[in-house]
Structures are given as structure tokens and as C-alpha cells.
N, C-alpha and C. Protein backbone atom coordinates (compact mmCIF):
# COMPACT_ATOMS: atom_id res chain seq x y z
N MET A 1 33.14 34.99 -31.06
CA MET A 1 33.89 34.42 -29.97
C MET A 1 33.08 34.44 -28.68
N ARG A 2 32.34 35.55 -28.49
CA ARG A 2 31.52 35.68 -27.29
C ARG A 2 30.43 34.60 -27.27
N ALA A 3 29.84 34.30 -28.44
CA ALA A 3 28.80 33.26 -28.53
C ALA A 3 29.37 31.91 -28.16
N LEU A 4 30.61 31.66 -28.54
CA LEU A 4 31.26 30.40 -28.20
C LEU A 4 31.48 30.29 -26.70
N LEU A 5 31.89 31.37 -26.07
CA LEU A 5 32.13 31.37 -24.63
C LEU A 5 30.83 31.14 -23.85
N VAL A 6 29.72 31.65 -24.35
CA VAL A 6 28.43 31.46 -23.68
C VAL A 6 27.92 30.04 -23.91
N SER A 7 28.13 29.50 -25.10
CA SER A 7 27.57 28.19 -25.42
C SER A 7 28.30 27.04 -24.71
N ILE A 8 29.57 27.19 -24.41
CA ILE A 8 30.30 26.12 -23.72
C ILE A 8 29.73 25.88 -22.33
N PRO A 9 29.59 26.92 -21.47
CA PRO A 9 28.97 26.66 -20.16
C PRO A 9 27.52 26.20 -20.27
N ALA A 10 26.79 26.74 -21.24
CA ALA A 10 25.39 26.32 -21.40
C ALA A 10 25.31 24.85 -21.78
N GLY A 11 26.19 24.40 -22.65
CA GLY A 11 26.21 22.99 -23.04
C GLY A 11 26.59 22.09 -21.88
N ALA A 12 27.56 22.54 -21.09
CA ALA A 12 27.95 21.76 -19.92
C ALA A 12 26.81 21.65 -18.93
N LEU A 13 26.06 22.74 -18.76
CA LEU A 13 24.92 22.73 -17.86
C LEU A 13 23.85 21.77 -18.35
N LEU A 14 23.58 21.77 -19.65
CA LEU A 14 22.58 20.85 -20.21
C LEU A 14 23.01 19.39 -20.03
N LEU A 15 24.27 19.10 -20.27
CA LEU A 15 24.75 17.73 -20.12
C LEU A 15 24.73 17.27 -18.68
N SER A 16 24.96 18.16 -17.75
CA SER A 16 24.94 17.76 -16.34
C SER A 16 23.54 17.38 -15.90
N GLY A 17 22.51 17.89 -16.55
CA GLY A 17 21.13 17.54 -16.22
C GLY A 17 20.73 16.18 -16.75
N CYS A 18 21.56 15.56 -17.57
CA CYS A 18 21.24 14.27 -18.15
C CYS A 18 21.71 13.09 -17.30
N THR A 19 22.43 13.36 -16.25
CA THR A 19 22.91 12.26 -15.43
C THR A 19 21.79 11.78 -14.51
N ALA A 20 21.82 10.51 -14.22
CA ALA A 20 20.80 9.92 -13.34
C ALA A 20 21.06 10.36 -11.90
N PRO A 21 19.99 10.57 -11.15
CA PRO A 21 20.19 10.93 -9.73
C PRO A 21 20.78 9.74 -8.98
N PRO A 22 21.49 10.02 -7.89
CA PRO A 22 22.07 8.90 -7.14
C PRO A 22 20.97 8.03 -6.55
N VAL A 23 21.25 6.74 -6.45
CA VAL A 23 20.30 5.79 -5.88
C VAL A 23 20.30 5.97 -4.36
N PRO A 24 19.10 6.12 -3.77
CA PRO A 24 19.06 6.26 -2.31
C PRO A 24 19.62 5.01 -1.63
N PRO A 25 20.22 5.17 -0.48
CA PRO A 25 20.86 4.04 0.19
C PRO A 25 19.88 3.21 1.01
N PHE A 26 18.80 2.72 0.38
CA PHE A 26 17.83 1.90 1.08
C PHE A 26 18.47 0.58 1.47
N GLN A 27 18.11 0.08 2.62
CA GLN A 27 18.60 -1.21 3.07
C GLN A 27 17.43 -2.00 3.64
N PRO A 28 16.60 -2.58 2.76
CA PRO A 28 15.48 -3.38 3.26
C PRO A 28 16.00 -4.51 4.15
N ARG A 29 15.42 -4.66 5.32
CA ARG A 29 15.87 -5.68 6.27
C ARG A 29 14.83 -6.76 6.50
N ALA A 30 13.55 -6.43 6.31
CA ALA A 30 12.48 -7.39 6.58
C ALA A 30 12.08 -8.10 5.29
N SER A 31 11.67 -9.34 5.43
CA SER A 31 11.17 -10.10 4.28
C SER A 31 9.73 -9.67 4.00
N VAL A 32 9.20 -10.11 2.88
CA VAL A 32 7.79 -9.83 2.56
C VAL A 32 6.90 -10.43 3.65
N GLN A 33 7.19 -11.64 4.06
CA GLN A 33 6.38 -12.28 5.10
C GLN A 33 6.44 -11.47 6.40
N GLU A 34 7.61 -10.96 6.76
CA GLU A 34 7.72 -10.14 7.97
C GLU A 34 6.92 -8.85 7.85
N LEU A 35 6.93 -8.24 6.66
CA LEU A 35 6.11 -7.04 6.45
C LEU A 35 4.63 -7.36 6.62
N MET A 36 4.21 -8.49 6.08
CA MET A 36 2.81 -8.88 6.19
C MET A 36 2.41 -9.09 7.65
N VAL A 37 3.22 -9.82 8.37
CA VAL A 37 2.90 -10.18 9.76
C VAL A 37 2.98 -8.97 10.68
N SER A 38 3.97 -8.11 10.49
CA SER A 38 4.19 -7.04 11.45
C SER A 38 3.57 -5.70 11.09
N ILE A 39 3.27 -5.48 9.80
CA ILE A 39 2.72 -4.18 9.40
C ILE A 39 1.37 -4.32 8.70
N VAL A 40 1.34 -5.06 7.60
CA VAL A 40 0.13 -5.09 6.76
C VAL A 40 -1.05 -5.73 7.48
N ASP A 41 -0.88 -6.95 7.99
CA ASP A 41 -2.00 -7.63 8.67
C ASP A 41 -2.53 -6.85 9.86
N PRO A 42 -1.66 -6.38 10.78
CA PRO A 42 -2.21 -5.64 11.91
C PRO A 42 -2.92 -4.34 11.49
N ALA A 43 -2.37 -3.65 10.50
CA ALA A 43 -3.00 -2.41 10.05
C ALA A 43 -4.36 -2.69 9.40
N ALA A 44 -4.43 -3.74 8.59
CA ALA A 44 -5.70 -4.10 7.96
C ALA A 44 -6.72 -4.50 9.02
N ASP A 45 -6.29 -5.25 10.02
CA ASP A 45 -7.20 -5.67 11.09
C ASP A 45 -7.76 -4.46 11.84
N VAL A 46 -6.94 -3.47 12.11
CA VAL A 46 -7.44 -2.26 12.79
C VAL A 46 -8.53 -1.61 11.95
N LEU A 47 -8.28 -1.48 10.66
CA LEU A 47 -9.27 -0.87 9.76
C LEU A 47 -10.55 -1.70 9.73
N TRP A 48 -10.42 -3.01 9.49
CA TRP A 48 -11.59 -3.87 9.37
C TRP A 48 -12.38 -3.98 10.67
N ASP A 49 -11.69 -3.93 11.79
CA ASP A 49 -12.36 -4.09 13.08
C ASP A 49 -12.88 -2.76 13.66
N SER A 50 -12.61 -1.65 12.98
CA SER A 50 -12.96 -0.35 13.55
C SER A 50 -14.44 0.00 13.42
N VAL A 51 -15.13 -0.57 12.45
CA VAL A 51 -16.54 -0.28 12.22
C VAL A 51 -17.26 -1.60 11.98
N GLY A 52 -18.41 -1.78 12.61
CA GLY A 52 -19.14 -3.01 12.37
C GLY A 52 -20.48 -3.06 13.05
N THR A 53 -21.22 -4.06 12.69
CA THR A 53 -22.54 -4.32 13.25
C THR A 53 -22.72 -5.82 13.39
N VAL A 54 -23.20 -6.23 14.54
CA VAL A 54 -23.54 -7.64 14.76
C VAL A 54 -24.98 -7.67 15.25
N VAL A 55 -25.79 -8.47 14.55
CA VAL A 55 -27.19 -8.66 14.95
C VAL A 55 -27.31 -10.07 15.51
N SER A 56 -27.80 -10.16 16.73
CA SER A 56 -27.95 -11.46 17.37
C SER A 56 -29.29 -11.50 18.10
N GLU A 57 -29.54 -12.60 18.78
CA GLU A 57 -30.76 -12.73 19.57
C GLU A 57 -30.82 -11.67 20.67
N ASP A 58 -29.66 -11.21 21.10
CA ASP A 58 -29.59 -10.21 22.17
C ASP A 58 -29.78 -8.79 21.67
N GLY A 59 -29.84 -8.61 20.37
CA GLY A 59 -30.03 -7.27 19.81
C GLY A 59 -28.97 -6.91 18.80
N VAL A 60 -28.82 -5.61 18.57
CA VAL A 60 -27.88 -5.10 17.59
C VAL A 60 -26.72 -4.43 18.32
N ASP A 61 -25.53 -4.83 17.96
CA ASP A 61 -24.32 -4.24 18.53
C ASP A 61 -23.58 -3.53 17.39
N GLU A 62 -23.46 -2.22 17.49
CA GLU A 62 -22.75 -1.43 16.48
C GLU A 62 -21.57 -0.73 17.13
N TRP A 63 -20.48 -0.60 16.37
CA TRP A 63 -19.33 0.13 16.88
C TRP A 63 -18.66 0.89 15.75
N ALA A 64 -18.03 1.97 16.13
CA ALA A 64 -17.27 2.83 15.22
C ALA A 64 -16.37 3.72 16.07
N PRO A 65 -15.31 4.24 15.49
CA PRO A 65 -14.46 5.16 16.26
C PRO A 65 -15.28 6.37 16.72
N ARG A 66 -14.99 6.81 17.94
CA ARG A 66 -15.69 7.98 18.47
C ARG A 66 -14.73 9.06 18.96
N THR A 67 -13.62 8.64 19.52
CA THR A 67 -12.70 9.61 20.11
C THR A 67 -11.60 9.99 19.11
N GLU A 68 -10.90 11.06 19.43
CA GLU A 68 -9.74 11.47 18.61
C GLU A 68 -8.74 10.33 18.50
N GLU A 69 -8.50 9.68 19.63
CA GLU A 69 -7.52 8.59 19.67
C GLU A 69 -7.96 7.42 18.77
N GLU A 70 -9.23 7.07 18.81
CA GLU A 70 -9.73 5.97 17.98
C GLU A 70 -9.63 6.31 16.49
N TRP A 71 -10.00 7.53 16.11
CA TRP A 71 -9.90 7.93 14.71
C TRP A 71 -8.44 7.99 14.27
N ALA A 72 -7.56 8.46 15.15
CA ALA A 72 -6.13 8.51 14.83
C ALA A 72 -5.58 7.11 14.60
N ARG A 73 -6.04 6.14 15.38
CA ARG A 73 -5.58 4.76 15.21
C ARG A 73 -5.99 4.21 13.84
N VAL A 74 -7.21 4.49 13.42
CA VAL A 74 -7.66 4.04 12.10
C VAL A 74 -6.85 4.73 11.00
N ARG A 75 -6.66 6.05 11.14
CA ARG A 75 -5.89 6.80 10.14
C ARG A 75 -4.46 6.28 10.07
N ASN A 76 -3.83 6.07 11.22
CA ASN A 76 -2.45 5.59 11.24
C ASN A 76 -2.33 4.21 10.58
N SER A 77 -3.31 3.38 10.78
CA SER A 77 -3.31 2.06 10.14
C SER A 77 -3.45 2.19 8.63
N ALA A 78 -4.27 3.13 8.19
CA ALA A 78 -4.42 3.38 6.76
C ALA A 78 -3.09 3.85 6.15
N VAL A 79 -2.39 4.72 6.86
CA VAL A 79 -1.08 5.19 6.39
C VAL A 79 -0.10 4.01 6.32
N ALA A 80 -0.13 3.14 7.31
CA ALA A 80 0.76 1.97 7.29
C ALA A 80 0.46 1.09 6.07
N LEU A 81 -0.82 0.90 5.76
CA LEU A 81 -1.18 0.12 4.57
C LEU A 81 -0.68 0.80 3.30
N MET A 82 -0.91 2.09 3.22
CA MET A 82 -0.53 2.86 2.04
C MET A 82 0.99 2.76 1.82
N GLU A 83 1.76 2.99 2.85
CA GLU A 83 3.22 2.96 2.70
C GLU A 83 3.76 1.54 2.55
N SER A 84 3.01 0.56 2.98
CA SER A 84 3.45 -0.83 2.81
C SER A 84 3.57 -1.19 1.34
N GLY A 85 2.70 -0.61 0.51
CA GLY A 85 2.82 -0.84 -0.93
C GLY A 85 4.19 -0.42 -1.44
N ASN A 86 4.68 0.72 -0.95
CA ASN A 86 6.02 1.17 -1.34
C ASN A 86 7.09 0.22 -0.82
N LEU A 87 6.93 -0.22 0.42
CA LEU A 87 7.91 -1.14 1.00
C LEU A 87 7.97 -2.45 0.22
N LEU A 88 6.83 -2.90 -0.29
CA LEU A 88 6.80 -4.15 -1.06
C LEU A 88 7.53 -4.03 -2.40
N MET A 89 7.68 -2.81 -2.89
CA MET A 89 8.36 -2.60 -4.17
C MET A 89 9.87 -2.37 -4.01
N MET A 90 10.33 -2.24 -2.79
CA MET A 90 11.74 -1.92 -2.54
C MET A 90 12.64 -3.15 -2.59
N GLY A 91 13.87 -2.87 -2.98
CA GLY A 91 14.93 -3.87 -2.89
C GLY A 91 14.60 -5.18 -3.55
N GLY A 92 14.96 -6.25 -2.90
CA GLY A 92 14.75 -7.58 -3.45
C GLY A 92 13.39 -8.18 -3.13
N ARG A 93 12.45 -7.37 -2.64
CA ARG A 93 11.14 -7.91 -2.28
C ARG A 93 10.24 -8.17 -3.49
N ALA A 94 10.38 -7.37 -4.53
CA ALA A 94 9.50 -7.49 -5.69
C ALA A 94 9.76 -8.81 -6.41
N ARG A 95 8.68 -9.54 -6.71
CA ARG A 95 8.80 -10.82 -7.42
C ARG A 95 9.02 -10.61 -8.91
N ASP A 96 8.54 -9.48 -9.43
CA ASP A 96 8.73 -9.15 -10.84
C ASP A 96 8.55 -7.65 -10.99
N ASP A 97 8.82 -7.17 -12.18
CA ASP A 97 8.74 -5.72 -12.43
C ASP A 97 7.41 -5.27 -13.01
N ARG A 98 6.48 -6.16 -13.19
CA ARG A 98 5.22 -5.79 -13.82
C ARG A 98 4.04 -5.97 -12.87
N LEU A 99 3.57 -7.17 -12.71
CA LEU A 99 2.36 -7.42 -11.95
C LEU A 99 2.55 -7.12 -10.47
N TRP A 100 3.68 -7.50 -9.90
CA TRP A 100 3.95 -7.22 -8.48
C TRP A 100 3.86 -5.72 -8.21
N MET A 101 4.46 -4.95 -9.10
CA MET A 101 4.44 -3.49 -8.94
C MET A 101 3.02 -2.94 -9.05
N GLN A 102 2.27 -3.45 -10.01
CA GLN A 102 0.89 -3.02 -10.20
C GLN A 102 0.04 -3.34 -8.96
N LEU A 103 0.18 -4.52 -8.44
CA LEU A 103 -0.58 -4.93 -7.26
C LEU A 103 -0.14 -4.15 -6.02
N SER A 104 1.14 -3.85 -5.91
CA SER A 104 1.63 -3.04 -4.79
C SER A 104 1.06 -1.63 -4.87
N ARG A 105 0.96 -1.08 -6.07
CA ARG A 105 0.33 0.24 -6.24
C ARG A 105 -1.15 0.18 -5.87
N GLY A 106 -1.77 -0.97 -6.10
CA GLY A 106 -3.16 -1.15 -5.67
C GLY A 106 -3.31 -1.04 -4.16
N LEU A 107 -2.34 -1.58 -3.42
CA LEU A 107 -2.36 -1.45 -1.96
C LEU A 107 -2.15 0.00 -1.56
N ILE A 108 -1.28 0.70 -2.26
CA ILE A 108 -1.06 2.12 -1.98
C ILE A 108 -2.36 2.90 -2.17
N GLU A 109 -3.05 2.65 -3.26
CA GLU A 109 -4.31 3.37 -3.54
C GLU A 109 -5.39 3.02 -2.52
N ALA A 110 -5.49 1.75 -2.17
CA ALA A 110 -6.50 1.34 -1.17
C ALA A 110 -6.18 1.97 0.18
N GLY A 111 -4.91 2.01 0.55
CA GLY A 111 -4.51 2.65 1.80
C GLY A 111 -4.80 4.14 1.79
N ALA A 112 -4.57 4.78 0.65
CA ALA A 112 -4.87 6.22 0.53
C ALA A 112 -6.37 6.47 0.67
N ALA A 113 -7.17 5.60 0.06
CA ALA A 113 -8.64 5.73 0.20
C ALA A 113 -9.06 5.53 1.65
N ALA A 114 -8.41 4.59 2.33
CA ALA A 114 -8.72 4.36 3.75
C ALA A 114 -8.33 5.57 4.59
N ARG A 115 -7.21 6.18 4.26
CA ARG A 115 -6.80 7.39 5.00
C ARG A 115 -7.82 8.50 4.81
N ARG A 116 -8.27 8.70 3.57
CA ARG A 116 -9.29 9.74 3.31
C ARG A 116 -10.57 9.44 4.09
N ALA A 117 -10.96 8.18 4.11
CA ALA A 117 -12.18 7.79 4.84
C ALA A 117 -12.02 8.06 6.33
N ALA A 118 -10.87 7.73 6.89
CA ALA A 118 -10.64 7.98 8.32
C ALA A 118 -10.61 9.47 8.61
N GLU A 119 -10.00 10.23 7.73
CA GLU A 119 -9.93 11.68 7.93
C GLU A 119 -11.30 12.33 7.82
N SER A 120 -12.21 11.70 7.06
CA SER A 120 -13.57 12.24 6.95
C SER A 120 -14.41 11.92 8.18
N ARG A 121 -13.91 10.99 8.99
CA ARG A 121 -14.61 10.54 10.21
C ARG A 121 -16.02 10.05 9.90
N ASP A 122 -16.11 9.37 8.78
CA ASP A 122 -17.38 8.81 8.33
C ASP A 122 -17.32 7.29 8.48
N PRO A 123 -17.97 6.73 9.49
CA PRO A 123 -17.91 5.28 9.69
C PRO A 123 -18.36 4.48 8.46
N ASP A 124 -19.37 4.98 7.73
CA ASP A 124 -19.81 4.26 6.53
C ASP A 124 -18.72 4.22 5.47
N ALA A 125 -17.98 5.32 5.33
CA ALA A 125 -16.88 5.36 4.36
C ALA A 125 -15.76 4.42 4.78
N VAL A 126 -15.46 4.36 6.07
CA VAL A 126 -14.43 3.45 6.57
C VAL A 126 -14.86 2.00 6.32
N PHE A 127 -16.11 1.70 6.59
CA PHE A 127 -16.61 0.35 6.35
C PHE A 127 -16.50 0.00 4.87
N ALA A 128 -16.92 0.91 4.00
CA ALA A 128 -16.90 0.65 2.55
C ALA A 128 -15.48 0.47 2.03
N VAL A 129 -14.54 1.27 2.52
CA VAL A 129 -13.17 1.17 2.01
C VAL A 129 -12.49 -0.11 2.48
N GLY A 130 -13.04 -0.73 3.51
CA GLY A 130 -12.51 -2.02 3.94
C GLY A 130 -12.53 -3.03 2.82
N GLU A 131 -13.55 -2.94 1.96
CA GLU A 131 -13.62 -3.84 0.81
C GLU A 131 -12.49 -3.57 -0.17
N GLU A 132 -12.17 -2.30 -0.40
CA GLU A 132 -11.06 -1.95 -1.31
C GLU A 132 -9.75 -2.54 -0.80
N VAL A 133 -9.53 -2.42 0.50
CA VAL A 133 -8.31 -2.96 1.09
C VAL A 133 -8.30 -4.48 0.95
N TYR A 134 -9.43 -5.11 1.26
CA TYR A 134 -9.52 -6.57 1.13
C TYR A 134 -9.22 -7.01 -0.30
N LEU A 135 -9.81 -6.34 -1.27
CA LEU A 135 -9.59 -6.72 -2.67
C LEU A 135 -8.15 -6.50 -3.10
N ALA A 136 -7.52 -5.43 -2.62
CA ALA A 136 -6.10 -5.21 -2.95
C ALA A 136 -5.26 -6.36 -2.42
N CYS A 137 -5.55 -6.79 -1.20
CA CYS A 137 -4.82 -7.92 -0.61
C CYS A 137 -5.12 -9.21 -1.37
N ASP A 138 -6.39 -9.46 -1.63
CA ASP A 138 -6.81 -10.70 -2.26
C ASP A 138 -6.28 -10.83 -3.68
N ARG A 139 -6.24 -9.73 -4.41
CA ARG A 139 -5.70 -9.78 -5.79
C ARG A 139 -4.25 -10.24 -5.78
N CYS A 140 -3.49 -9.71 -4.85
CA CYS A 140 -2.08 -10.10 -4.77
C CYS A 140 -1.95 -11.54 -4.28
N HIS A 141 -2.70 -11.89 -3.25
CA HIS A 141 -2.61 -13.25 -2.72
C HIS A 141 -3.11 -14.29 -3.72
N GLY A 142 -3.98 -13.89 -4.64
CA GLY A 142 -4.43 -14.81 -5.68
C GLY A 142 -3.35 -15.16 -6.67
N VAL A 143 -2.30 -14.34 -6.72
CA VAL A 143 -1.19 -14.57 -7.65
C VAL A 143 0.07 -15.01 -6.92
N TYR A 144 0.37 -14.36 -5.83
CA TYR A 144 1.57 -14.64 -5.04
C TYR A 144 1.13 -15.05 -3.65
N TRP A 145 1.10 -16.34 -3.38
CA TRP A 145 0.63 -16.78 -2.07
C TRP A 145 1.80 -17.35 -1.29
N VAL A 146 2.01 -16.85 -0.09
CA VAL A 146 3.15 -17.23 0.73
C VAL A 146 3.11 -18.70 1.11
N GLY A 147 1.92 -19.25 1.34
CA GLY A 147 1.83 -20.62 1.81
C GLY A 147 1.93 -21.67 0.73
N ASP A 148 2.03 -21.26 -0.51
CA ASP A 148 2.14 -22.20 -1.62
C ASP A 148 3.38 -23.08 -1.49
N ALA A 149 3.24 -24.31 -1.93
CA ALA A 149 4.41 -25.19 -1.97
C ALA A 149 5.45 -24.61 -2.92
N GLN A 150 4.99 -23.91 -3.96
CA GLN A 150 5.89 -23.27 -4.91
C GLN A 150 5.85 -21.76 -4.68
N ARG A 151 6.28 -21.35 -3.52
CA ARG A 151 6.22 -19.95 -3.12
C ARG A 151 6.78 -19.03 -4.20
N GLY A 152 6.02 -17.99 -4.50
CA GLY A 152 6.47 -17.00 -5.46
C GLY A 152 6.15 -17.34 -6.90
N ARG A 153 5.58 -18.51 -7.15
CA ARG A 153 5.25 -18.81 -8.54
C ARG A 153 4.08 -17.94 -8.95
N ILE A 154 4.07 -17.53 -10.18
CA ILE A 154 3.04 -16.64 -10.68
C ILE A 154 1.89 -17.46 -11.22
N ARG A 155 0.70 -17.15 -10.75
CA ARG A 155 -0.51 -17.75 -11.26
C ARG A 155 -1.32 -16.66 -11.92
N GLU A 156 -2.19 -17.03 -12.81
CA GLU A 156 -3.07 -16.04 -13.44
C GLU A 156 -4.01 -15.49 -12.40
N PRO A 157 -4.19 -14.16 -12.35
CA PRO A 157 -5.14 -13.60 -11.39
C PRO A 157 -6.56 -14.02 -11.72
N ARG A 158 -7.37 -14.17 -10.67
CA ARG A 158 -8.77 -14.50 -10.88
C ARG A 158 -9.47 -13.31 -11.51
N SER A 159 -10.46 -13.59 -12.33
CA SER A 159 -11.24 -12.48 -12.89
C SER A 159 -12.11 -11.90 -11.81
N GLN A 160 -12.54 -10.65 -11.98
CA GLN A 160 -13.32 -9.98 -10.96
C GLN A 160 -14.68 -10.63 -10.74
N GLY A 161 -15.18 -11.39 -11.71
CA GLY A 161 -16.47 -12.03 -11.58
C GLY A 161 -16.44 -13.27 -10.70
N GLU A 162 -15.25 -13.76 -10.37
CA GLU A 162 -15.14 -15.00 -9.58
C GLU A 162 -15.16 -14.71 -8.11
């Protein structure tokens, strides 16, 4: 009888662990295009414009973040890129459950790499990670392009050799 009394609460406890957690009350308000214009594009531009070299007839002009504030701006932009991947997967923004999600995770990873580069305060690393961010954007835009006459239609992604 004692074993029965112990097993009933234990069984109830096990069954209660099988329920799904409640869905968070997210309320996405911005469209994908609004996210691109207001968060992704400006953050990518900060990263891409933060390190560079121009060689001209007048000489060589090089720039990179130097102050705490400049490095913080690059890092904050990297965080915005990283979290934008999550925002793109929320609510009704995802175009599909497979490729869109994979490409959004690519933006998350590129943003995380950019954050690490900014935190290392290595201008060469920031410059190099700019390519990762560009490729994450380009891979998605090669499949889902906002300006298409058939917006949201899925095209085959370009191979990496192209």
C-alpha cells in the first residue's frame, strides 16, 4: 500500500513534466523590410565602414576604431545583427520552416563572429568578419529578395563557386 501511495505522486510529477511550456507572448510589429531598413542595414554598415583602407594619388588613408566609444559602436552593431536573425524567425516573418530558418541562423552566427572580433579589438578580424556578414546577407537575398516582382518566391541558392 505504501508503494502505491509513493507511486501516485511520482507518476503525477512525471506526467506534469510532459506538458509543453507556455508560448511566450511575442508580438512582432515590424515587417521584414522594416527590420532590414531600421536594424540590419544600419548595423551592417557600421561594421563594414568601421575598418578600411583607401589608396589614392594622395596616399593611403586607413581607419579603424580607436576609442572605447568607437569599439562599443562596432560591438553593438554586431549584437544587433546577431539578434536580428532571431527576429527574422519570429511570428509571421519566416517565409518557410526550413531554408529561411537556416539562413537566419547564418546571420546569428555571422553576428556572433562580428561581436567576438569587436571584443578582440582587432581591426583585421573586424575587416575579415565583414565578409561573413556580407555572405550571410547575400545567401538570403539570393533566395528571398524583397525587390522581386514575385516577392517571397523561393529560388535555388547560388552555389558558393558563383
